Amino acid sequence: MNKNEKWLEWAVELQALAQSGLYYGKDKFDIERYQRIREISAEMLSYKTEIPYEKVYDIFCTDTGYQTPKIDTRAAIFKDNKILLVHEANDTWSLPGGWVDVNLSVEENTIKEVKEEAGIDAVVKKIIAVQDREKHNLPIYAYKVCKIFSLCEATGGSFTENIETTGYDYFKLENLPKLAEEKNNEEQIKMCFECYKSEYWETLFD
């Protein structure tokens, strides 16, 4: 994070401290102070990003308990030395994936997202990497994200229309389309290729 983004780090830390204080605090006056700190963190984000305060607050300040990262799964499926990418509505491409639902495991969610976005039945073979999103992807979010990339194998299925994607295709590393870089960038796609071609792969993490 460079100096121009230091304000975001401060806002995120203020929000996390306020959230913990609201959950664990007992004194009513302390609760009021923590709530105000939380509001200030949202005001900072709204002011710097020009996103309406109400929207920032709804996204950034509605969680309860001790703040932990959100989990995002991404599936890498290969055929003929090409990787599967799904076509987003904004004309970019990404590995099938998304937020892990509260009632699903990482494996279950990975399989679900592949089915929903590509129509493909898949099995998870191994974990490629566990990444801190803000060390790899832009823009930096106001909350922490843990990204889990899995090498998967297609077992069947066919594409059906859905609200998130308009199709899918397989691509060579040297011929990638325009990527949804907030979800996955060229560095991450290359990492998936390296795992696919490796006989002995050790999970990467940071």
C-alpha atoms as a PDB file:
ATOM      1  CA  MET A   1       0.000   0.000   0.000  1.00  0.00           C
ATOM      2  CA  ASN A   2       1.522   3.332  -1.033  1.00  0.00           C
ATOM      3  CA  LYS A   3       1.248   6.637   0.819  1.00  0.00           C
ATOM      4  CA  ASN A   4      -1.736   7.737  -1.261  1.00  0.00           C
ATOM      5  CA  GLU A   5      -3.697   4.762   0.067  1.00  0.00           C
ATOM      6  CA  LYS A   6      -2.706   5.152   3.725  1.00  0.00           C
ATOM      7  CA  TRP A   7      -6.062   6.785   4.487  1.00  0.00           C
ATOM      8  CA  LEU A   8      -7.777   3.540   3.481  1.00  0.00           C
ATOM      9  CA  GLU A   9      -5.636   1.528   5.891  1.00  0.00           C
ATOM     10  CA  TRP A  10      -6.600   3.946   8.689  1.00  0.00           C
ATOM     11  CA  ALA A  11     -10.311   3.789   7.814  1.00  0.00           C
ATOM     12  CA  VAL A  12     -10.259  -0.017   7.739  1.00  0.00           C
ATOM     13  CA  GLU A  13      -8.494  -0.201  11.107  1.00  0.00           C
ATOM     14  CA  LEU A  14     -10.904   2.288  12.676  1.00  0.00           C
ATOM     15  CA  GLN A  15     -13.872   0.276  11.440  1.00  0.00           C
ATOM     16  CA  ALA A  16     -12.412  -2.991  12.770  1.00  0.00           C
ATOM     17  CA  LEU A  17     -11.709  -1.464  16.190  1.00  0.00           C
ATOM     18  CA  ALA A  18     -15.188   0.048  16.332  1.00  0.00           C
ATOM     19  CA  GLN A  19     -16.828  -3.238  15.339  1.00  0.00           C
ATOM     20  CA  SER A  20     -14.992  -5.135  18.072  1.00  0.00           C
ATOM     21  CA  GLY A  21     -15.847  -2.439  20.614  1.00  0.00           C
ATOM     22  CA  LEU A  22     -19.538  -2.550  19.683  1.00  0.00           C
ATOM     23  CA  TYR A  23     -19.570  -6.325  20.091  1.00  0.00           C
ATOM     24  CA  TYR A  24     -17.582  -6.677  23.299  1.00  0.00           C
ATOM     25  CA  GLY A  25     -18.223  -3.319  24.978  1.00  0.00           C
ATOM     26  CA  LYS A  26     -20.579  -3.073  27.974  1.00  0.00           C
ATOM     27  CA  ASP A  27     -20.564   0.604  28.968  1.00  0.00           C
ATOM     28  CA  LYS A  28     -23.304   2.522  27.142  1.00  0.00           C
ATOM     29  CA  PHE A  29     -21.099   5.589  26.712  1.00  0.00           C
ATOM     30  CA  ASP A  30     -18.324   3.482  25.183  1.00  0.00           C
ATOM     31  CA  ILE A  31     -20.883   1.948  22.822  1.00  0.00           C
ATOM     32  CA  GLU A  32     -21.823   5.452  21.646  1.00  0.00           C
ATOM     33  CA  ARG A  33     -18.155   6.309  21.073  1.00  0.00           C
ATOM     34  CA  TYR A  34     -17.511   3.109  19.108  1.00  0.00           C
ATOM     35  CA  GLN A  35     -20.575   3.767  16.980  1.00  0.00           C
ATOM     36  CA  ARG A  36     -19.322   7.266  16.193  1.00  0.00           C
ATOM     37  CA  ILE A  37     -15.866   5.902  15.273  1.00  0.00           C
ATOM     38  CA  ARG A  38     -17.573   3.475  12.897  1.00  0.00           C
ATOM     39  CA  GLU A  39     -19.529   6.329  11.313  1.00  0.00           C
ATOM     40  CA  ILE A  40     -16.337   8.378  10.902  1.00  0.00           C
ATOM     41  CA  SER A  41     -14.646   5.474   9.109  1.00  0.00           C
ATOM     42  CA  ALA A  42     -17.569   5.332   6.660  1.00  0.00           C
ATOM     43  CA  GLU A  43     -17.473   9.115   6.218  1.00  0.00           C
ATOM     44  CA  MET A  44     -13.758   8.905   5.365  1.00  0.00           C
ATOM     45  CA  LEU A  45     -14.398   6.292   2.690  1.00  0.00           C
ATOM     46  CA  SER A  46     -17.358   8.181   1.270  1.00  0.00           C
ATOM     47  CA  TYR A  47     -15.395  11.439   1.145  1.00  0.00           C
ATOM     48  CA  LYS A  48     -12.368   9.924  -0.575  1.00  0.00           C
ATOM     49  CA  THR A  49     -14.247   7.695  -3.029  1.00  0.00           C
ATOM     50  CA  GLU A  50     -17.350   9.862  -3.645  1.00  0.00           C
ATOM     51  CA  ILE A  51     -19.520   6.796  -3.023  1.00  0.00           C
ATOM     52  CA  PRO A  52     -22.699   7.777  -1.132  1.00  0.00           C
ATOM     53  CA  TYR A  53     -22.312   7.447   2.633  1.00  0.00           C
ATOM     54  CA  GLU A  54     -25.353   5.181   2.961  1.00  0.00           C
ATOM     55  CA  LYS A  55     -23.925   2.700   0.441  1.00  0.00           C
ATOM     56  CA  VAL A  56     -20.502   2.702   2.127  1.00  0.00           C
ATOM     57  CA  TYR A  57     -22.107   2.136   5.519  1.00  0.00           C
ATOM     58  CA  ASP A  58     -24.263  -0.739   4.267  1.00  0.00           C
ATOM     59  CA  ILE A  59     -21.232  -2.528   2.789  1.00  0.00           C
ATOM     60  CA  PHE A  60     -18.582  -1.549   5.316  1.00  0.00           C
ATOM     61  CA  CYS A  61     -20.297  -1.207   8.686  1.00  0.00           C
ATOM     62  CA  THR A  62     -23.040  -3.810   9.086  1.00  0.00           C
ATOM     63  CA  ASP A  63     -21.029  -6.836  10.210  1.00  0.00           C
ATOM     64  CA  THR A  64     -20.947  -7.844  13.881  1.00  0.00           C
ATOM     65  CA  GLY A  65     -18.441  -9.597  16.108  1.00  0.00           C
ATOM     66  CA  TYR A  66     -14.695  -9.688  15.646  1.00  0.00           C
ATOM     67  CA  GLN A  67     -13.888  -8.641  12.081  1.00  0.00           C
ATOM     68  CA  THR A  68     -12.315 -11.332   9.901  1.00  0.00           C
ATOM     69  CA  PRO A  69     -11.578 -11.521   6.150  1.00  0.00           C
ATOM     70  CA  LYS A  70     -14.226 -12.553   3.645  1.00  0.00           C
ATOM     71  CA  ILE A  71     -13.396 -15.711   1.674  1.00  0.00           C
ATOM     72  CA  ASP A  72     -13.432 -15.814  -2.130  1.00  0.00           C
ATOM     73  CA  THR A  73     -12.952 -19.048  -4.097  1.00  0.00           C
ATOM     74  CA  ARG A  74     -11.600 -19.316  -7.673  1.00  0.00           C
ATOM     75  CA  ALA A  75     -11.527 -22.526  -9.713  1.00  0.00           C
ATOM     76  CA  ALA A  76      -8.897 -23.349 -12.344  1.00  0.00           C
ATOM     77  CA  ILE A  77     -10.079 -25.945 -14.884  1.00  0.00           C
ATOM     78  CA  PHE A  78      -7.935 -26.958 -17.849  1.00  0.00           C
ATOM     79  CA  LYS A  79      -8.500 -28.657 -21.204  1.00  0.00           C
ATOM     80  CA  ASP A  80      -5.881 -29.105 -23.930  1.00  0.00           C
ATOM     81  CA  ASN A  81      -3.442 -26.827 -22.038  1.00  0.00           C
ATOM     82  CA  LYS A  82      -6.037 -24.044 -21.926  1.00  0.00           C
ATOM     83  CA  ILE A  83      -7.743 -22.546 -18.882  1.00  0.00           C
ATOM     84  CA  LEU A  84     -11.479 -22.067 -18.486  1.00  0.00           C
ATOM     85  CA  LEU A  85     -12.696 -18.497 -18.013  1.00  0.00           C
ATOM     86  CA  VAL A  86     -16.277 -17.276 -17.717  1.00  0.00           C
ATOM     87  CA  HIS A  87     -17.530 -14.177 -19.528  1.00  0.00           C
ATOM     88  CA  GLU A  88     -18.852 -11.485 -17.222  1.00  0.00           C
ATOM     89  CA  ALA A  89     -21.709  -9.133 -18.089  1.00  0.00           C
ATOM     90  CA  ASN A  90     -19.234  -6.216 -18.261  1.00  0.00           C
ATOM     91  CA  ASP A  91     -17.300  -7.972 -21.075  1.00  0.00           C
ATOM     92  CA  THR A  92     -14.401  -9.137 -18.909  1.00  0.00           C
ATOM     93  CA  TRP A  93     -13.340 -12.692 -18.090  1.00  0.00           C
ATOM     94  CA  SER A  94     -12.639 -14.455 -14.820  1.00  0.00           C
ATOM     95  CA  LEU A  95     -12.069 -17.805 -13.191  1.00  0.00           C
ATOM     96  CA  PRO A  96     -15.436 -19.089 -11.941  1.00  0.00           C
ATOM     97  CA  GLY A  97     -15.838 -18.233  -8.291  1.00  0.00           C
ATOM     98  CA  GLY A  98     -17.296 -15.959  -5.661  1.00  0.00           C
ATOM     99  CA  TRP A  99     -17.921 -15.374  -1.964  1.00  0.00           C
ATOM    100  CA  VAL A 100     -18.140 -18.477   0.200  1.00  0.00           C
ATOM    101  CA  ASP A 101     -21.676 -18.953   1.504  1.00  0.00           C
ATOM    102  CA  VAL A 102     -21.998 -19.307   5.272  1.00  0.00           C
ATOM    103  CA  ASN A 103     -23.462 -22.811   4.997  1.00  0.00           C
ATOM    104  CA  LEU A 104     -20.825 -24.195   2.604  1.00  0.00           C
ATOM    105  CA  SER A 105     -17.225 -25.340   2.928  1.00  0.00           C
ATOM    106  CA  VAL A 106     -14.536 -23.966   0.625  1.00  0.00           C
ATOM    107  CA  GLU A 107     -14.684 -27.143  -1.475  1.00  0.00           C
ATOM    108  CA  GLU A 108     -18.476 -27.106  -1.675  1.00  0.00           C
ATOM    109  CA  ASN A 109     -18.529 -23.433  -2.617  1.00  0.00           C
ATOM    110  CA  THR A 110     -15.895 -23.913  -5.332  1.00  0.00           C
ATOM    111  CA  ILE A 111     -17.969 -26.676  -6.934  1.00  0.00           C
ATOM    112  CA  LYS A 112     -21.165 -24.632  -6.620  1.00  0.00           C
ATOM    113  CA  GLU A 113     -19.664 -21.554  -8.293  1.00  0.00           C
ATOM    114  CA  VAL A 114     -18.308 -23.577 -11.230  1.00  0.00           C
ATOM    115  CA  LYS A 115     -21.748 -25.103 -11.754  1.00  0.00           C
ATOM    116  CA  GLU A 116     -23.575 -21.776 -11.470  1.00  0.00           C
ATOM    117  CA  GLU A 117     -21.235 -19.718 -13.661  1.00  0.00           C
ATOM    118  CA  ALA A 118     -20.036 -22.259 -16.239  1.00  0.00           C
ATOM    119  CA  GLY A 119     -22.625 -25.029 -16.003  1.00  0.00           C
ATOM    120  CA  ILE A 120     -19.823 -27.528 -15.427  1.00  0.00           C
ATOM    121  CA  ASP A 121     -19.759 -30.334 -12.883  1.00  0.00           C
ATOM    122  CA  ALA A 122     -16.352 -30.358 -11.243  1.00  0.00           C
ATOM    123  CA  VAL A 123     -14.263 -31.929  -8.518  1.00  0.00           C
ATOM    124  CA  VAL A 124     -11.537 -30.154  -6.538  1.00  0.00           C
ATOM    125  CA  LYS A 125      -8.118 -31.784  -6.900  1.00  0.00           C
ATOM    126  CA  LYS A 126      -5.809 -29.503  -4.902  1.00  0.00           C
ATOM    127  CA  ILE A 127      -5.358 -26.023  -3.445  1.00  0.00           C
ATOM    128  CA  ILE A 128      -3.151 -23.850  -5.653  1.00  0.00           C
ATOM    129  CA  ALA A 129      -2.844 -20.827  -3.386  1.00  0.00           C
ATOM    130  CA  VAL A 130      -4.301 -18.916  -0.454  1.00  0.00           C
ATOM    131  CA  GLN A 131      -3.773 -15.203  -1.049  1.00  0.00           C
ATOM    132  CA  ASP A 132      -4.310 -11.895   0.714  1.00  0.00           C
ATOM    133  CA  ARG A 133      -6.261 -10.096  -2.005  1.00  0.00           C
ATOM    134  CA  GLU A 134      -4.857  -6.623  -1.426  1.00  0.00           C
ATOM    135  CA  LYS A 135      -1.323  -7.899  -2.100  1.00  0.00           C
ATOM    136  CA  HIS A 136      -2.340  -8.974  -5.605  1.00  0.00           C
ATOM    137  CA  ASN A 137      -5.487  -7.259  -6.890  1.00  0.00           C
ATOM    138  CA  LEU A 138      -6.728  -3.729  -7.492  1.00  0.00           C
ATOM    139  CA  PRO A 139      -8.655  -1.770  -6.482  1.00  0.00           C
ATOM    140  CA  ILE A 140      -7.998  -2.291  -2.776  1.00  0.00           C
ATOM    141  CA  TYR A 141     -11.231  -2.971  -0.920  1.00  0.00           C
ATOM    142  CA  ALA A 142     -12.345  -1.500   2.391  1.00  0.00           C
ATOM    143  CA  TYR A 143     -12.389  -4.986   3.883  1.00  0.00           C
ATOM    144  CA  LYS A 144      -9.948  -7.871   3.878  1.00  0.00           C
ATOM    145  CA  VAL A 145     -10.414 -10.744   1.428  1.00  0.00           C
ATOM    146  CA  CYS A 146      -8.793 -14.173   1.499  1.00  0.00           C
ATOM    147  CA  LYS A 147      -8.696 -15.693  -2.007  1.00  0.00           C
ATOM    148  CA  ILE A 148      -8.458 -19.473  -2.371  1.00  0.00           C
ATOM    149  CA  PHE A 149      -7.484 -20.816  -5.798  1.00  0.00           C
ATOM    150  CA  SER A 150      -8.200 -24.503  -6.478  1.00  0.00           C
ATOM    151  CA  LEU A 151      -7.173 -26.797  -9.311  1.00  0.00           C
ATOM    152  CA  CYS A 152     -10.335 -28.564 -10.435  1.00  0.00           C
ATOM    153  CA  GLU A 153     -11.321 -31.199 -12.951  1.00  0.00           C
ATOM    154  CA  ALA A 154     -14.448 -31.059 -15.113  1.00  0.00           C
ATOM    155  CA  THR A 155     -16.606 -34.189 -15.053  1.00  0.00           C
ATOM    156  CA  GLY A 156     -19.558 -33.100 -17.205  1.00  0.00           C
ATOM    157  CA  GLY A 157     -22.335 -30.542 -17.471  1.00  0.00           C
ATOM    158  CA  SER A 158     -23.212 -27.818 -19.954  1.00  0.00           C
ATOM    159  CA  PHE A 159     -23.615 -24.049 -19.846  1.00  0.00           C
ATOM    160  CA  THR A 160     -26.987 -22.541 -18.962  1.00  0.00           C
ATOM    161  CA  GLU A 161     -27.963 -18.864 -18.882  1.00  0.00           C
ATOM    162  CA  ASN A 162     -27.571 -17.193 -15.495  1.00  0.00           C
ATOM    163  CA  ILE A 163     -27.526 -13.722 -13.949  1.00  0.00           C
ATOM    164  CA  GLU A 164     -23.733 -13.532 -13.555  1.00  0.00           C
ATOM    165  CA  THR A 165     -22.128 -14.836 -16.749  1.00  0.00           C
ATOM    166  CA  THR A 166     -22.953 -14.954 -20.454  1.00  0.00           C
ATOM    167  CA  GLY A 167     -20.745 -17.874 -21.460  1.00  0.00           C
ATOM    168  CA  TYR A 168     -17.337 -19.479 -21.075  1.00  0.00           C
ATOM    169  CA  ASP A 169     -14.318 -20.469 -23.145  1.00  0.00           C
ATOM    170  CA  TYR A 170     -10.821 -21.940 -22.788  1.00  0.00           C
ATOM    171  CA  PHE A 171      -7.716 -19.789 -23.346  1.00  0.00           C
ATOM    172  CA  LYS A 172      -3.984 -20.238 -23.718  1.00  0.00           C
ATOM    173  CA  LEU A 173      -1.786 -18.249 -21.349  1.00  0.00           C
ATOM    174  CA  GLU A 174      -0.327 -16.233 -24.233  1.00  0.00           C
ATOM    175  CA  ASN A 175      -3.800 -15.381 -25.577  1.00  0.00           C
ATOM    176  CA  LEU A 176      -5.786 -14.266 -22.540  1.00  0.00           C
ATOM    177  CA  PRO A 177      -8.813 -11.995 -23.031  1.00  0.00           C
ATOM    178  CA  LYS A 178      -9.533  -8.842 -21.012  1.00  0.00           C
ATOM    179  CA  LEU A 179      -9.537 -10.024 -17.398  1.00  0.00           C
ATOM    180  CA  ALA A 180     -11.721  -8.895 -14.507  1.00  0.00           C
ATOM    181  CA  GLU A 181      -8.580  -7.883 -12.646  1.00  0.00           C
ATOM    182  CA  GLU A 182     -10.339  -7.104  -9.386  1.00  0.00           C
ATOM    183  CA  LYS A 183     -11.062 -10.862  -9.287  1.00  0.00           C
ATOM    184  CA  ASN A 184      -8.046 -12.366 -11.028  1.00  0.00           C
ATOM    185  CA  ASN A 185      -5.115 -10.913 -12.934  1.00  0.00           C
ATOM    186  CA  GLU A 186      -2.530 -12.302 -15.339  1.00  0.00           C
ATOM    187  CA  GLU A 187      -0.136 -13.109 -12.481  1.00  0.00           C
ATOM    188  CA  GLN A 188      -2.780 -15.306 -10.869  1.00  0.00           C
ATOM    189  CA  ILE A 189      -3.767 -17.022 -14.122  1.00  0.00           C
ATOM    190  CA  LYS A 190      -0.081 -17.765 -14.759  1.00  0.00           C
ATOM    191  CA  MET A 191       0.175 -19.257 -11.271  1.00  0.00           C
ATOM    192  CA  CYS A 192      -2.714 -21.603 -12.104  1.00  0.00           C
ATOM    193  CA  PHE A 193      -0.952 -22.725 -15.296  1.00  0.00           C
ATOM    194  CA  GLU A 194       2.228 -23.412 -13.332  1.00  0.00           C
ATOM    195  CA  CYS A 195       0.324 -25.588 -10.877  1.00  0.00           C
ATOM    196  CA  TYR A 196      -1.422 -27.450 -13.707  1.00  0.00           C
ATOM    197  CA  LYS A 197       1.904 -28.268 -15.357  1.00  0.00           C
ATOM    198  CA  SER A 198       3.708 -29.154 -12.122  1.00  0.00           C
ATOM    199  CA  GLU A 199       4.033 -32.779 -11.029  1.00  0.00           C
ATOM    200  CA  TYR A 200       4.644 -31.744  -7.428  1.00  0.00           C
ATOM    201  CA  TRP A 201       2.943 -28.520  -6.370  1.00  0.00           C
ATOM    202  CA  GLU A 202       3.191 -26.947  -2.948  1.00  0.00           C
ATOM    203  CA  THR A 203       0.345 -24.619  -2.010  1.00  0.00           C
ATOM    204  CA  LEU A 204       1.368 -20.955  -2.079  1.00  0.00           C
ATOM    205  CA  PHE A 205       0.173 -18.620   0.659  1.00  0.00           C
ATOM    206  CA  ASP A 206       0.813 -15.147   2.015  1.00  0.00           C
END
